[in-house]
Amino acid sequence: MSTWELLIRRGNRLRQAYGEASGTLRLFAFVMGFTDKLVILFFSAVLLLSLACQQPSNLAVVTEVIDGDTIVIEGGYHVRYIGIDAPESGESYYLEAKMTNQDLVEGKKVRLESDISDKDSYGRLLRYVYVGDNFVNAEMVTRGCAWAVAYPPDVKYQVYLEAVENEARQKGRGFWE
């Protein structure tokens, strides 16, 4: 029996049960049937479960700053800033870069924007990071705490990041002093 035949048969049963009530009442009775409630409940549970198993949302609170280009967000996800490279532990200007990043993002709600790649070879999420309207990746470069470095295919804002690096270099900011 086809779906349409089942719907027609159910409509006929409802018409018998409720008489020749208005079309709105018949529609309401049809929609609010017990079976329909179970279907809605089932699909709601499936939707909630699928949302719970997804990647972190594009909004998150920063719980830790690792260095000038890597943070940890709620849920323990490590996030690597796309398009920049900051000094690593033991390198010149490492502490300044880390402290600048802490000032910009630590304990704050950030918006994460992806590009082509989702993760790097270390399993870190690759993202452009914003606090409000402040583009953190670019701010780190503007302050002379990171270099603009292209990591293809993730190059959506690379021209902009290189432009702010040139400005930071010309103005002698951060490690460009």
N, C-alpha and C. Protein backbone atom coordinates (compact mmCIF):
# COMPACT_ATOMS: atom_id res chain seq x y z
N MET A 1 0.85 -1.16 0.00
CA MET A 1 0.00 0.00 0.00
C MET A 1 0.90 1.24 0.00
N SER A 2 0.63 2.20 -0.83
CA SER A 2 1.46 3.39 -0.96
C SER A 2 1.22 4.35 0.21
N THR A 3 2.14 5.28 0.35
CA THR A 3 2.03 6.29 1.40
C THR A 3 0.77 7.10 1.23
N TRP A 4 0.45 7.46 -0.01
CA TRP A 4 -0.76 8.26 -0.26
C TRP A 4 -2.02 7.50 0.13
N GLU A 5 -2.03 6.21 -0.17
CA GLU A 5 -3.20 5.41 0.20
C GLU A 5 -3.35 5.36 1.72
N LEU A 6 -2.20 5.23 2.44
CA LEU A 6 -2.25 5.23 3.90
C LEU A 6 -2.77 6.56 4.44
N LEU A 7 -2.31 7.66 3.85
CA LEU A 7 -2.77 8.98 4.28
C LEU A 7 -4.26 9.17 4.03
N ILE A 8 -4.72 8.72 2.88
CA ILE A 8 -6.15 8.84 2.54
C ILE A 8 -6.98 7.99 3.50
N ARG A 9 -6.51 6.76 3.75
CA ARG A 9 -7.24 5.88 4.66
C ARG A 9 -7.30 6.49 6.07
N ARG A 10 -6.15 7.06 6.52
CA ARG A 10 -6.13 7.68 7.84
C ARG A 10 -7.06 8.89 7.88
N GLY A 11 -7.07 9.67 6.81
CA GLY A 11 -7.97 10.81 6.74
C GLY A 11 -9.43 10.38 6.80
N ASN A 12 -9.76 9.30 6.13
CA ASN A 12 -11.14 8.78 6.16
C ASN A 12 -11.52 8.35 7.58
N ARG A 13 -10.57 7.69 8.29
CA ARG A 13 -10.85 7.28 9.66
C ARG A 13 -11.06 8.49 10.56
N LEU A 14 -10.25 9.53 10.38
CA LEU A 14 -10.40 10.73 11.19
C LEU A 14 -11.73 11.43 10.89
N ARG A 15 -12.12 11.43 9.61
CA ARG A 15 -13.39 12.04 9.22
C ARG A 15 -14.55 11.31 9.90
N GLN A 16 -14.45 9.96 9.94
CA GLN A 16 -15.49 9.19 10.62
C GLN A 16 -15.50 9.50 12.11
N ALA A 17 -14.32 9.61 12.71
CA ALA A 17 -14.24 9.85 14.14
C ALA A 17 -14.69 11.25 14.52
N TYR A 18 -14.37 12.24 13.70
CA TYR A 18 -14.66 13.63 14.04
C TYR A 18 -15.80 14.22 13.23
N GLY A 19 -16.39 13.43 12.39
CA GLY A 19 -17.47 13.94 11.55
C GLY A 19 -16.91 14.84 10.46
N GLU A 20 -17.75 15.60 9.87
CA GLU A 20 -17.33 16.49 8.79
C GLU A 20 -16.93 17.85 9.36
N ALA A 21 -15.96 17.84 10.29
CA ALA A 21 -15.48 19.09 10.88
C ALA A 21 -14.70 19.87 9.84
N SER A 22 -14.33 21.05 10.22
CA SER A 22 -13.61 21.91 9.28
C SER A 22 -12.29 21.27 8.88
N GLY A 23 -11.72 21.70 7.76
CA GLY A 23 -10.44 21.18 7.29
C GLY A 23 -9.33 21.44 8.28
N THR A 24 -9.38 22.56 8.97
CA THR A 24 -8.35 22.89 9.95
C THR A 24 -8.37 21.90 11.10
N LEU A 25 -9.56 21.56 11.59
CA LEU A 25 -9.67 20.60 12.67
C LEU A 25 -9.18 19.22 12.23
N ARG A 26 -9.52 18.82 11.02
CA ARG A 26 -9.06 17.52 10.52
C ARG A 26 -7.54 17.52 10.42
N LEU A 27 -6.97 18.60 9.92
CA LEU A 27 -5.52 18.69 9.79
C LEU A 27 -4.88 18.62 11.18
N PHE A 28 -5.44 19.34 12.14
CA PHE A 28 -4.91 19.33 13.50
C PHE A 28 -4.96 17.92 14.08
N ALA A 29 -6.06 17.24 13.91
CA ALA A 29 -6.20 15.87 14.42
C ALA A 29 -5.19 14.94 13.76
N PHE A 30 -4.98 15.14 12.47
CA PHE A 30 -4.02 14.31 11.74
C PHE A 30 -2.59 14.53 12.26
N VAL A 31 -2.22 15.81 12.42
CA VAL A 31 -0.87 16.14 12.83
C VAL A 31 -0.61 15.72 14.27
N MET A 32 -1.61 15.85 15.11
CA MET A 32 -1.41 15.59 16.53
C MET A 32 -1.68 14.14 16.92
N GLY A 33 -1.80 13.27 15.96
CA GLY A 33 -2.00 11.86 16.28
C GLY A 33 -0.84 11.31 17.08
N PHE A 34 -1.07 10.27 17.84
CA PHE A 34 -0.06 9.67 18.71
C PHE A 34 1.17 9.23 17.93
N THR A 35 0.97 8.62 16.79
CA THR A 35 2.08 8.14 15.98
C THR A 35 2.97 9.30 15.56
N ASP A 36 2.34 10.42 15.20
CA ASP A 36 3.12 11.57 14.77
C ASP A 36 3.96 12.12 15.92
N LYS A 37 3.42 12.09 17.13
CA LYS A 37 4.18 12.56 18.28
C LYS A 37 5.43 11.69 18.49
N LEU A 38 5.28 10.39 18.31
CA LEU A 38 6.44 9.50 18.46
C LEU A 38 7.48 9.78 17.38
N VAL A 39 7.04 10.03 16.18
CA VAL A 39 7.97 10.34 15.08
C VAL A 39 8.73 11.62 15.38
N ILE A 40 8.02 12.65 15.84
CA ILE A 40 8.66 13.91 16.18
C ILE A 40 9.66 13.71 17.31
N LEU A 41 9.29 12.97 18.32
CA LEU A 41 10.18 12.68 19.44
C LEU A 41 11.42 11.94 18.97
N PHE A 42 11.26 10.96 18.11
CA PHE A 42 12.39 10.19 17.59
C PHE A 42 13.35 11.07 16.81
N PHE A 43 12.83 11.88 15.90
CA PHE A 43 13.70 12.73 15.10
C PHE A 43 14.36 13.82 15.94
N SER A 44 13.68 14.30 16.97
CA SER A 44 14.30 15.28 17.87
C SER A 44 15.48 14.65 18.60
N ALA A 45 15.32 13.42 19.06
CA ALA A 45 16.40 12.73 19.75
C ALA A 45 17.57 12.49 18.81
N VAL A 46 17.30 12.10 17.58
CA VAL A 46 18.37 11.88 16.59
C VAL A 46 19.11 13.18 16.32
N LEU A 47 18.38 14.27 16.16
CA LEU A 47 18.99 15.57 15.90
C LEU A 47 19.88 16.01 17.06
N LEU A 48 19.38 15.88 18.29
CA LEU A 48 20.18 16.27 19.45
C LEU A 48 21.43 15.41 19.58
N LEU A 49 21.31 14.13 19.33
CA LEU A 49 22.45 13.24 19.40
C LEU A 49 23.49 13.60 18.34
N SER A 50 23.04 13.89 17.13
CA SER A 50 23.99 14.24 16.08
C SER A 50 24.68 15.56 16.38
N LEU A 51 23.97 16.52 16.98
CA LEU A 51 24.59 17.79 17.35
C LEU A 51 25.62 17.59 18.45
N ALA A 52 25.37 16.70 19.36
CA ALA A 52 26.29 16.45 20.46
C ALA A 52 27.58 15.80 19.98
N CYS A 53 27.54 15.09 18.87
CA CYS A 53 28.71 14.38 18.36
C CYS A 53 29.51 15.19 17.35
N GLN A 54 29.11 16.41 17.06
CA GLN A 54 29.78 17.22 16.06
C GLN A 54 31.05 17.85 16.60
N GLN A 55 31.80 18.45 15.67
CA GLN A 55 32.96 19.25 16.02
C GLN A 55 32.51 20.39 16.91
N PRO A 56 33.45 21.06 17.56
CA PRO A 56 33.05 22.19 18.38
C PRO A 56 32.38 23.26 17.51
N SER A 57 31.52 24.04 18.14
CA SER A 57 30.82 25.07 17.38
C SER A 57 31.80 26.15 16.98
N ASN A 58 31.34 27.13 16.22
CA ASN A 58 32.24 28.19 15.81
C ASN A 58 32.38 29.26 16.90
N LEU A 59 31.70 29.10 18.03
CA LEU A 59 31.88 29.97 19.19
C LEU A 59 32.39 29.12 20.35
N ALA A 60 33.45 29.60 21.02
CA ALA A 60 34.01 28.83 22.13
C ALA A 60 34.76 29.77 23.06
N VAL A 61 34.97 29.31 24.28
CA VAL A 61 35.76 30.06 25.25
C VAL A 61 37.18 29.49 25.25
N VAL A 62 38.16 30.38 25.24
CA VAL A 62 39.56 29.96 25.27
C VAL A 62 39.93 29.62 26.71
N THR A 63 40.40 28.40 26.91
CA THR A 63 40.76 27.95 28.26
C THR A 63 42.26 28.03 28.52
N GLU A 64 43.06 28.04 27.45
CA GLU A 64 44.52 28.08 27.62
C GLU A 64 45.17 28.64 26.37
N VAL A 65 46.25 29.36 26.56
CA VAL A 65 47.06 29.84 25.45
C VAL A 65 48.37 29.07 25.49
N ILE A 66 48.68 28.37 24.41
CA ILE A 66 49.90 27.56 24.34
C ILE A 66 51.09 28.43 23.96
N ASP A 67 50.90 29.24 22.93
CA ASP A 67 51.95 30.15 22.46
C ASP A 67 51.30 31.24 21.62
N GLY A 68 52.04 31.85 20.72
CA GLY A 68 51.52 32.97 19.95
C GLY A 68 50.58 32.59 18.82
N ASP A 69 50.48 31.31 18.51
CA ASP A 69 49.59 30.90 17.41
C ASP A 69 48.78 29.64 17.69
N THR A 70 48.72 29.22 18.96
CA THR A 70 47.97 28.02 19.32
C THR A 70 47.25 28.25 20.66
N ILE A 71 45.98 27.86 20.69
CA ILE A 71 45.17 27.98 21.90
C ILE A 71 44.44 26.67 22.16
N VAL A 72 43.84 26.57 23.33
CA VAL A 72 42.97 25.45 23.68
C VAL A 72 41.62 26.06 24.01
N ILE A 73 40.56 25.48 23.44
CA ILE A 73 39.21 25.95 23.70
C ILE A 73 38.47 24.93 24.54
N GLU A 74 37.30 25.35 25.08
CA GLU A 74 36.50 24.44 25.89
C GLU A 74 36.29 23.13 25.14
N GLY A 75 36.32 22.05 25.88
CA GLY A 75 36.24 20.73 25.27
C GLY A 75 37.62 20.14 25.02
N GLY A 76 38.68 20.93 25.28
CA GLY A 76 40.05 20.45 25.13
C GLY A 76 40.58 20.47 23.71
N TYR A 77 39.87 21.13 22.79
CA TYR A 77 40.33 21.19 21.40
C TYR A 77 41.47 22.19 21.26
N HIS A 78 42.56 21.75 20.62
CA HIS A 78 43.67 22.64 20.31
C HIS A 78 43.37 23.31 18.97
N VAL A 79 43.60 24.61 18.91
CA VAL A 79 43.33 25.40 17.71
C VAL A 79 44.61 26.10 17.28
N ARG A 80 45.00 25.88 16.04
CA ARG A 80 46.19 26.52 15.45
C ARG A 80 45.70 27.63 14.53
N TYR A 81 46.22 28.85 14.72
CA TYR A 81 45.83 29.99 13.89
C TYR A 81 46.31 29.77 12.46
N ILE A 82 45.43 29.98 11.50
CA ILE A 82 45.77 29.83 10.08
C ILE A 82 46.51 31.08 9.60
N GLY A 83 47.52 30.87 8.75
CA GLY A 83 48.17 31.97 8.03
C GLY A 83 49.24 32.71 8.78
N ILE A 84 49.56 32.27 10.00
CA ILE A 84 50.62 32.95 10.74
C ILE A 84 51.52 31.92 11.41
N ASP A 85 52.70 32.39 11.82
CA ASP A 85 53.62 31.55 12.59
C ASP A 85 54.24 32.45 13.65
N ALA A 86 54.22 32.01 14.88
CA ALA A 86 54.79 32.77 16.00
C ALA A 86 55.98 32.01 16.56
N PRO A 87 56.87 32.72 17.26
CA PRO A 87 58.04 32.05 17.84
C PRO A 87 57.64 30.90 18.77
N GLU A 88 58.43 29.84 18.72
CA GLU A 88 58.19 28.67 19.56
C GLU A 88 58.97 28.80 20.87
N SER A 89 58.64 27.96 21.84
CA SER A 89 59.33 27.96 23.13
C SER A 89 60.84 27.88 22.92
N GLY A 90 61.56 28.75 23.61
CA GLY A 90 63.02 28.77 23.48
C GLY A 90 63.52 29.74 22.42
N GLU A 91 62.63 30.21 21.55
CA GLU A 91 63.03 31.16 20.50
C GLU A 91 62.85 32.58 21.00
N SER A 92 63.59 33.49 20.38
CA SER A 92 63.48 34.91 20.72
C SER A 92 62.06 35.39 20.49
N TYR A 93 61.55 36.18 21.42
CA TYR A 93 60.24 36.81 21.39
C TYR A 93 59.08 35.84 21.66
N TYR A 94 59.39 34.61 22.09
CA TYR A 94 58.34 33.64 22.40
C TYR A 94 57.42 34.14 23.51
N LEU A 95 58.00 34.57 24.64
CA LEU A 95 57.18 34.98 25.78
C LEU A 95 56.32 36.20 25.44
N GLU A 96 56.87 37.15 24.70
CA GLU A 96 56.11 38.33 24.32
C GLU A 96 54.92 37.95 23.44
N ALA A 97 55.15 37.03 22.50
CA ALA A 97 54.08 36.58 21.61
C ALA A 97 53.00 35.84 22.40
N LYS A 98 53.42 34.97 23.31
CA LYS A 98 52.46 34.22 24.12
C LYS A 98 51.64 35.17 24.99
N MET A 99 52.30 36.13 25.64
CA MET A 99 51.60 37.07 26.51
C MET A 99 50.64 37.95 25.72
N THR A 100 51.03 38.35 24.52
CA THR A 100 50.13 39.14 23.67
C THR A 100 48.89 38.33 23.32
N ASN A 101 49.10 37.07 22.96
CA ASN A 101 47.97 36.18 22.64
C ASN A 101 47.08 36.00 23.86
N GLN A 102 47.67 35.84 25.04
CA GLN A 102 46.89 35.71 26.27
C GLN A 102 46.03 36.96 26.50
N ASP A 103 46.62 38.13 26.31
CA ASP A 103 45.87 39.37 26.48
C ASP A 103 44.69 39.45 25.51
N LEU A 104 44.90 38.93 24.31
CA LEU A 104 43.85 39.02 23.28
C LEU A 104 42.71 38.02 23.49
N VAL A 105 43.02 36.79 23.94
CA VAL A 105 41.99 35.74 23.88
C VAL A 105 41.72 34.96 25.16
N GLU A 106 42.66 34.88 26.08
CA GLU A 106 42.49 33.96 27.21
C GLU A 106 41.25 34.29 28.04
N GLY A 107 40.42 33.26 28.26
CA GLY A 107 39.19 33.40 29.03
C GLY A 107 38.06 34.08 28.28
N LYS A 108 38.28 34.40 27.02
CA LYS A 108 37.27 35.12 26.24
C LYS A 108 36.55 34.18 25.27
N LYS A 109 35.34 34.60 24.89
CA LYS A 109 34.60 33.87 23.88
C LYS A 109 35.13 34.30 22.51
N VAL A 110 35.50 33.32 21.71
CA VAL A 110 36.05 33.60 20.38
C VAL A 110 35.15 32.97 19.31
N ARG A 111 35.22 33.55 18.13
CA ARG A 111 34.54 32.98 16.97
C ARG A 111 35.61 32.35 16.10
N LEU A 112 35.38 31.12 15.68
CA LEU A 112 36.34 30.36 14.88
C LEU A 112 35.83 30.24 13.45
N GLU A 113 36.69 30.55 12.51
CA GLU A 113 36.34 30.45 11.09
C GLU A 113 37.31 29.49 10.40
N SER A 114 36.77 28.53 9.70
CA SER A 114 37.63 27.56 9.01
C SER A 114 37.93 28.03 7.60
N ASP A 115 38.89 27.36 6.98
CA ASP A 115 39.23 27.60 5.58
C ASP A 115 39.03 26.27 4.87
N ILE A 116 39.98 25.81 4.10
CA ILE A 116 39.85 24.56 3.35
C ILE A 116 40.09 23.34 4.26
N SER A 117 41.22 23.34 4.96
CA SER A 117 41.59 22.20 5.81
C SER A 117 40.94 22.34 7.19
N ASP A 118 40.51 21.22 7.75
CA ASP A 118 39.91 21.25 9.08
C ASP A 118 40.97 21.12 10.17
N LYS A 119 41.95 20.23 9.96
CA LYS A 119 42.97 19.96 10.98
C LYS A 119 44.35 19.87 10.34
N ASP A 120 45.38 20.10 11.17
CA ASP A 120 46.75 19.92 10.69
C ASP A 120 47.23 18.51 11.02
N SER A 121 48.49 18.21 10.72
CA SER A 121 49.02 16.86 10.92
C SER A 121 49.12 16.48 12.40
N TYR A 122 49.02 17.45 13.31
CA TYR A 122 49.05 17.19 14.75
C TYR A 122 47.64 17.05 15.34
N GLY A 123 46.62 17.14 14.50
CA GLY A 123 45.24 17.01 14.96
C GLY A 123 44.64 18.29 15.51
N ARG A 124 45.36 19.42 15.36
CA ARG A 124 44.82 20.69 15.83
C ARG A 124 43.84 21.25 14.81
N LEU A 125 42.77 21.88 15.30
CA LEU A 125 41.84 22.56 14.41
C LEU A 125 42.55 23.76 13.79
N LEU A 126 42.38 23.96 12.51
CA LEU A 126 42.97 25.12 11.83
C LEU A 126 41.88 26.16 11.66
N ARG A 127 42.08 27.35 12.25
CA ARG A 127 41.02 28.36 12.25
C ARG A 127 41.58 29.78 12.22
N TYR A 128 40.74 30.67 11.67
CA TYR A 128 40.92 32.10 11.86
C TYR A 128 40.13 32.41 13.13
N VAL A 129 40.69 33.25 14.00
CA VAL A 129 40.10 33.48 15.32
C VAL A 129 39.74 34.95 15.48
N TYR A 130 38.55 35.18 16.02
CA TYR A 130 38.05 36.54 16.24
C TYR A 130 37.56 36.69 17.68
N VAL A 131 37.84 37.84 18.27
CA VAL A 131 37.22 38.26 19.53
C VAL A 131 36.41 39.49 19.16
N GLY A 132 35.10 39.35 19.15
CA GLY A 132 34.26 40.42 18.62
C GLY A 132 34.60 40.62 17.15
N ASP A 133 34.93 41.84 16.78
CA ASP A 133 35.33 42.13 15.39
C ASP A 133 36.83 42.11 15.20
N ASN A 134 37.59 41.83 16.27
CA ASN A 134 39.05 41.83 16.20
C ASN A 134 39.55 40.51 15.62
N PHE A 135 40.22 40.58 14.49
CA PHE A 135 40.79 39.42 13.80
C PHE A 135 42.13 39.11 14.47
N VAL A 136 42.14 38.12 15.37
CA VAL A 136 43.29 37.84 16.22
C VAL A 136 44.51 37.44 15.40
N ASN A 137 44.35 36.61 14.37
CA ASN A 137 45.49 36.21 13.55
C ASN A 137 46.21 37.45 13.03
N ALA A 138 45.46 38.39 12.49
CA ALA A 138 46.04 39.63 11.94
C ALA A 138 46.60 40.50 13.05
N GLU A 139 45.94 40.55 14.19
CA GLU A 139 46.42 41.38 15.32
C GLU A 139 47.78 40.90 15.81
N MET A 140 47.99 39.59 15.83
CA MET A 140 49.30 39.06 16.24
C MET A 140 50.39 39.51 15.26
N VAL A 141 50.07 39.52 13.99
CA VAL A 141 51.03 39.97 12.98
C VAL A 141 51.22 41.49 13.06
N THR A 142 50.14 42.23 13.22
CA THR A 142 50.20 43.70 13.32
C THR A 142 51.08 44.14 14.48
N ARG A 143 51.04 43.42 15.58
CA ARG A 143 51.83 43.78 16.76
C ARG A 143 53.27 43.27 16.67
N GLY A 144 53.61 42.59 15.57
CA GLY A 144 54.97 42.08 15.41
C GLY A 144 55.26 40.89 16.30
N CYS A 145 54.24 40.09 16.57
CA CYS A 145 54.39 38.90 17.40
C CYS A 145 54.30 37.61 16.59
N ALA A 146 54.05 37.74 15.30
CA ALA A 146 53.94 36.58 14.41
C ALA A 146 54.23 37.02 12.98
N TRP A 147 54.65 36.07 12.18
CA TRP A 147 54.88 36.31 10.76
C TRP A 147 53.69 35.80 9.96
N ALA A 148 53.42 36.44 8.84
CA ALA A 148 52.42 35.93 7.90
C ALA A 148 53.08 34.82 7.10
N VAL A 149 52.54 33.61 7.22
CA VAL A 149 53.11 32.45 6.52
C VAL A 149 51.97 31.69 5.87
N ALA A 150 52.07 31.48 4.56
CA ALA A 150 51.03 30.75 3.83
C ALA A 150 51.21 29.26 4.01
N TYR A 151 50.11 28.59 4.29
CA TYR A 151 50.06 27.13 4.38
C TYR A 151 48.95 26.66 3.45
N PRO A 152 49.26 26.61 2.13
CA PRO A 152 48.21 26.20 1.18
C PRO A 152 47.64 24.84 1.55
N PRO A 153 46.36 24.63 1.34
CA PRO A 153 45.43 25.45 0.57
C PRO A 153 44.70 26.51 1.40
N ASP A 154 45.09 26.69 2.67
CA ASP A 154 44.37 27.61 3.56
C ASP A 154 44.95 29.02 3.44
N VAL A 155 44.51 29.75 2.44
CA VAL A 155 45.10 31.06 2.13
C VAL A 155 44.04 32.15 1.93
N LYS A 156 42.86 31.98 2.51
CA LYS A 156 41.75 32.92 2.30
C LYS A 156 42.14 34.37 2.59
N TYR A 157 42.89 34.61 3.67
CA TYR A 157 43.24 35.99 4.08
C TYR A 157 44.74 36.25 3.96
N GLN A 158 45.46 35.46 3.18
CA GLN A 158 46.91 35.57 3.15
C GLN A 158 47.41 36.90 2.63
N VAL A 159 46.77 37.44 1.62
CA VAL A 159 47.19 38.75 1.08
C VAL A 159 47.07 39.81 2.17
N TYR A 160 45.98 39.80 2.90
CA TYR A 160 45.78 40.76 4.00
C TYR A 160 46.83 40.57 5.09
N LEU A 161 47.08 39.32 5.49
CA LEU A 161 48.06 39.06 6.54
C LEU A 161 49.46 39.52 6.12
N GLU A 162 49.81 39.33 4.86
CA GLU A 162 51.11 39.79 4.37
C GLU A 162 51.18 41.31 4.36
N ALA A 163 50.08 41.98 4.06
CA ALA A 163 50.05 43.44 4.06
C ALA A 163 50.25 43.99 5.47
N VAL A 164 49.60 43.38 6.48
CA VAL A 164 49.79 43.87 7.84
C VAL A 164 51.18 43.54 8.36
N GLU A 165 51.78 42.46 7.88
CA GLU A 165 53.17 42.18 8.24
C GLU A 165 54.09 43.25 7.69
N ASN A 166 53.88 43.64 6.44
CA ASN A 166 54.71 44.71 5.85
C ASN A 166 54.59 46.00 6.65
N GLU A 167 53.37 46.32 7.08
CA GLU A 167 53.16 47.52 7.88
C GLU A 167 53.88 47.42 9.23
N ALA A 168 53.78 46.26 9.89
CA ALA A 168 54.44 46.06 11.18
C ALA A 168 55.95 46.17 11.02
N ARG A 169 56.47 45.64 9.94
CA ARG A 169 57.90 45.69 9.67
C ARG A 169 58.35 47.14 9.46
N GLN A 170 57.59 47.88 8.65
CA GLN A 170 57.93 49.28 8.36
C GLN A 170 57.87 50.16 9.62
N LYS A 171 56.93 49.86 10.52
CA LYS A 171 56.77 50.65 11.73
C LYS A 171 57.60 50.13 12.89
N GLY A 172 58.34 49.04 12.67
CA GLY A 172 59.24 48.50 13.69
C GLY A 172 58.52 47.96 14.91
N ARG A 173 57.41 47.30 14.72
CA ARG A 173 56.62 46.76 15.85
C ARG A 173 57.13 45.37 16.25
N GLY A 174 57.03 45.10 17.55
CA GLY A 174 57.34 43.77 18.07
C GLY A 174 58.74 43.32 17.72
N PHE A 175 58.88 42.11 17.19
CA PHE A 175 60.21 41.61 16.88
C PHE A 175 60.82 42.27 15.66
N TRP A 176 60.12 43.22 15.03
CA TRP A 176 60.67 43.98 13.90
C TRP A 176 61.42 45.23 14.38
N GLU A 177 61.49 45.45 15.72
CA GLU A 177 62.20 46.63 16.26
C GLU A 177 63.65 46.60 15.83
